[in-house]
């Protein structure tokens, strides 16, 4: 087992969690929605970039070894 066995699911869970909270904030509205929905969607994009980087790192690592 290598580190990517744990990093890939962790990255995917992080993306799904931020997406779920962001959608909740978007549909809830009010002060919470105004304050956090856009910030959470931006964080989701960053988390997706991290998840893609982890997946590409795993692919590179596994084809190298």
N, C-alpha and C. Protein backbone atom coordinates (compact mmCIF):
# COMPACT_ATOMS: atom_id res chain seq x y z
N UNK A 1 0.85 -1.19 0.00
CA UNK A 1 0.00 0.00 0.00
C UNK A 1 0.89 1.24 0.00
N UNK A 2 0.45 2.21 -0.72
CA UNK A 2 1.21 3.45 -0.77
C UNK A 2 0.35 4.61 -0.28
N UNK A 3 0.94 5.76 -0.25
CA UNK A 3 0.28 6.96 0.27
C UNK A 3 -0.95 7.33 -0.55
N UNK A 4 -0.92 7.07 -1.85
CA UNK A 4 -2.03 7.44 -2.72
C UNK A 4 -3.31 6.65 -2.42
N UNK A 5 -3.16 5.49 -1.79
CA UNK A 5 -4.33 4.71 -1.40
C UNK A 5 -5.22 5.51 -0.44
N UNK A 6 -4.61 6.38 0.35
CA UNK A 6 -5.35 7.20 1.30
C UNK A 6 -5.61 8.62 0.77
N UNK A 7 -4.69 9.14 -0.03
CA UNK A 7 -4.83 10.51 -0.52
C UNK A 7 -5.97 10.67 -1.53
N UNK A 8 -6.14 9.70 -2.40
CA UNK A 8 -7.19 9.80 -3.42
C UNK A 8 -8.59 9.85 -2.80
N UNK A 9 -8.95 8.91 -1.93
CA UNK A 9 -10.29 9.02 -1.31
C UNK A 9 -10.44 10.28 -0.45
N UNK A 10 -9.37 10.68 0.24
CA UNK A 10 -9.45 11.90 1.06
C UNK A 10 -9.72 13.12 0.20
N UNK A 11 -9.05 13.22 -0.94
CA UNK A 11 -9.26 14.35 -1.84
C UNK A 11 -10.68 14.35 -2.41
N UNK A 12 -11.18 13.19 -2.77
CA UNK A 12 -12.53 13.10 -3.33
C UNK A 12 -13.60 13.41 -2.27
N UNK A 13 -13.38 12.96 -1.06
CA UNK A 13 -14.32 13.27 0.02
C UNK A 13 -14.29 14.77 0.33
N UNK A 14 -13.12 15.37 0.29
CA UNK A 14 -13.01 16.82 0.54
C UNK A 14 -13.77 17.61 -0.52
N UNK A 15 -13.63 17.22 -1.79
CA UNK A 15 -14.35 17.91 -2.86
C UNK A 15 -15.86 17.75 -2.67
N UNK A 16 -16.30 16.54 -2.40
CA UNK A 16 -17.74 16.29 -2.22
C UNK A 16 -18.29 17.06 -1.02
N UNK A 17 -17.52 17.13 0.05
CA UNK A 17 -17.98 17.85 1.24
C UNK A 17 -18.13 19.34 0.99
N UNK A 18 -17.12 19.93 0.36
CA UNK A 18 -17.19 21.36 0.07
C UNK A 18 -18.32 21.65 -0.91
N UNK A 19 -18.52 20.77 -1.88
CA UNK A 19 -19.62 20.94 -2.83
C UNK A 19 -20.96 20.87 -2.11
N UNK A 20 -21.13 19.92 -1.21
CA UNK A 20 -22.40 19.77 -0.50
C UNK A 20 -22.69 20.99 0.37
N UNK A 21 -21.70 21.47 1.08
CA UNK A 21 -21.91 22.65 1.93
C UNK A 21 -22.15 23.88 1.07
N UNK A 22 -21.46 23.98 -0.06
CA UNK A 22 -21.66 25.10 -0.96
C UNK A 22 -23.06 25.13 -1.56
N UNK A 23 -23.57 23.97 -1.95
CA UNK A 23 -24.93 23.90 -2.49
C UNK A 23 -25.94 24.21 -1.39
N UNK A 24 -25.69 23.72 -0.18
CA UNK A 24 -26.57 24.03 0.95
C UNK A 24 -26.61 25.55 1.18
N UNK A 25 -25.46 26.19 1.18
CA UNK A 25 -25.40 27.64 1.39
C UNK A 25 -26.11 28.38 0.26
N UNK A 26 -25.96 27.89 -0.96
CA UNK A 26 -26.59 28.53 -2.11
C UNK A 26 -28.11 28.50 -2.00
N UNK A 27 -28.66 27.37 -1.62
CA UNK A 27 -30.11 27.25 -1.55
C UNK A 27 -30.71 27.76 -0.25
N UNK A 28 -29.91 27.84 0.79
CA UNK A 28 -30.42 28.37 2.06
C UNK A 28 -30.67 29.85 1.97
N UNK A 29 -29.76 30.56 1.30
CA UNK A 29 -29.94 32.00 1.14
C UNK A 29 -29.66 32.75 2.43
N UNK A 30 -30.21 33.94 2.53
CA UNK A 30 -30.01 34.76 3.72
C UNK A 30 -28.57 35.23 3.85
N UNK A 31 -28.22 35.63 5.06
CA UNK A 31 -26.87 36.11 5.32
C UNK A 31 -25.83 35.01 5.12
N UNK A 32 -26.15 33.81 5.56
CA UNK A 32 -25.22 32.69 5.40
C UNK A 32 -24.93 32.42 3.93
N UNK A 33 -25.98 32.37 3.12
CA UNK A 33 -25.81 32.12 1.70
C UNK A 33 -25.04 33.21 1.00
N UNK A 34 -25.35 34.44 1.33
CA UNK A 34 -24.65 35.58 0.72
C UNK A 34 -23.18 35.58 1.08
N UNK A 35 -22.90 35.24 2.32
CA UNK A 35 -21.52 35.31 2.80
C UNK A 35 -20.66 34.14 2.31
N UNK A 36 -21.24 32.96 2.23
CA UNK A 36 -20.42 31.78 2.04
C UNK A 36 -20.59 31.02 0.73
N UNK A 37 -21.68 31.16 0.02
CA UNK A 37 -21.90 30.31 -1.15
C UNK A 37 -20.83 30.52 -2.22
N UNK A 38 -20.50 31.75 -2.53
CA UNK A 38 -19.48 32.02 -3.55
C UNK A 38 -18.09 31.59 -3.08
N UNK A 39 -17.79 31.84 -1.81
CA UNK A 39 -16.49 31.44 -1.27
C UNK A 39 -16.34 29.92 -1.29
N UNK A 40 -17.41 29.22 -0.94
CA UNK A 40 -17.35 27.76 -0.93
C UNK A 40 -17.21 27.19 -2.34
N UNK A 41 -17.85 27.81 -3.32
CA UNK A 41 -17.72 27.32 -4.69
C UNK A 41 -16.31 27.58 -5.22
N UNK A 42 -15.70 28.67 -4.80
CA UNK A 42 -14.30 28.91 -5.18
C UNK A 42 -13.38 27.90 -4.50
N UNK A 43 -13.67 27.59 -3.24
CA UNK A 43 -12.89 26.58 -2.54
C UNK A 43 -13.06 25.22 -3.21
N UNK A 44 -14.25 24.94 -3.71
CA UNK A 44 -14.49 23.67 -4.43
C UNK A 44 -13.58 23.55 -5.64
N UNK A 45 -13.43 24.65 -6.38
CA UNK A 45 -12.57 24.63 -7.56
C UNK A 45 -11.12 24.34 -7.15
N UNK A 46 -10.69 24.95 -6.07
CA UNK A 46 -9.32 24.70 -5.58
C UNK A 46 -9.18 23.25 -5.15
N UNK A 47 -10.18 22.73 -4.45
CA UNK A 47 -10.13 21.33 -4.01
C UNK A 47 -10.13 20.37 -5.20
N UNK A 48 -10.87 20.71 -6.25
CA UNK A 48 -10.85 19.88 -7.45
C UNK A 48 -9.47 19.88 -8.09
N UNK A 49 -8.82 21.02 -8.10
CA UNK A 49 -7.46 21.10 -8.65
C UNK A 49 -6.50 20.24 -7.83
N UNK A 50 -6.65 20.27 -6.52
CA UNK A 50 -5.82 19.43 -5.66
C UNK A 50 -6.11 17.95 -5.93
N UNK A 51 -7.38 17.60 -6.07
CA UNK A 51 -7.74 16.20 -6.34
C UNK A 51 -7.17 15.74 -7.68
N UNK A 52 -7.22 16.58 -8.68
CA UNK A 52 -6.64 16.22 -9.98
C UNK A 52 -5.13 16.07 -9.87
N UNK A 53 -4.48 16.95 -9.11
CA UNK A 53 -3.04 16.84 -8.91
C UNK A 53 -2.68 15.53 -8.20
N UNK A 54 -3.47 15.14 -7.21
CA UNK A 54 -3.24 13.88 -6.51
C UNK A 54 -3.42 12.71 -7.46
N UNK A 55 -4.49 12.73 -8.27
CA UNK A 55 -4.72 11.65 -9.23
C UNK A 55 -3.60 11.56 -10.26
N UNK A 56 -3.14 12.70 -10.75
CA UNK A 56 -2.05 12.68 -11.72
C UNK A 56 -0.74 12.22 -11.07
N UNK A 57 -0.53 12.61 -9.82
CA UNK A 57 0.65 12.13 -9.10
C UNK A 57 0.61 10.62 -8.91
N UNK A 58 -0.56 10.09 -8.59
CA UNK A 58 -0.71 8.64 -8.43
C UNK A 58 -0.46 7.93 -9.75
N UNK A 59 -0.99 8.47 -10.81
CA UNK A 59 -0.78 7.87 -12.13
C UNK A 59 0.70 7.87 -12.49
N UNK A 60 1.36 8.98 -12.27
CA UNK A 60 2.79 9.07 -12.55
C UNK A 60 3.57 8.08 -11.69
N UNK A 61 3.26 8.04 -10.39
CA UNK A 61 3.96 7.17 -9.47
C UNK A 61 3.79 5.70 -9.82
N UNK A 62 2.57 5.32 -10.17
CA UNK A 62 2.31 3.90 -10.45
C UNK A 62 2.85 3.45 -11.80
N UNK A 63 2.97 4.35 -12.76
CA UNK A 63 3.56 3.95 -14.05
C UNK A 63 5.08 3.95 -13.96
N UNK A 64 5.63 4.67 -13.00
CA UNK A 64 7.07 4.74 -12.82
C UNK A 64 7.60 3.53 -12.08
N UNK A 65 6.81 2.98 -11.17
CA UNK A 65 7.26 1.84 -10.36
C UNK A 65 6.60 0.56 -10.77
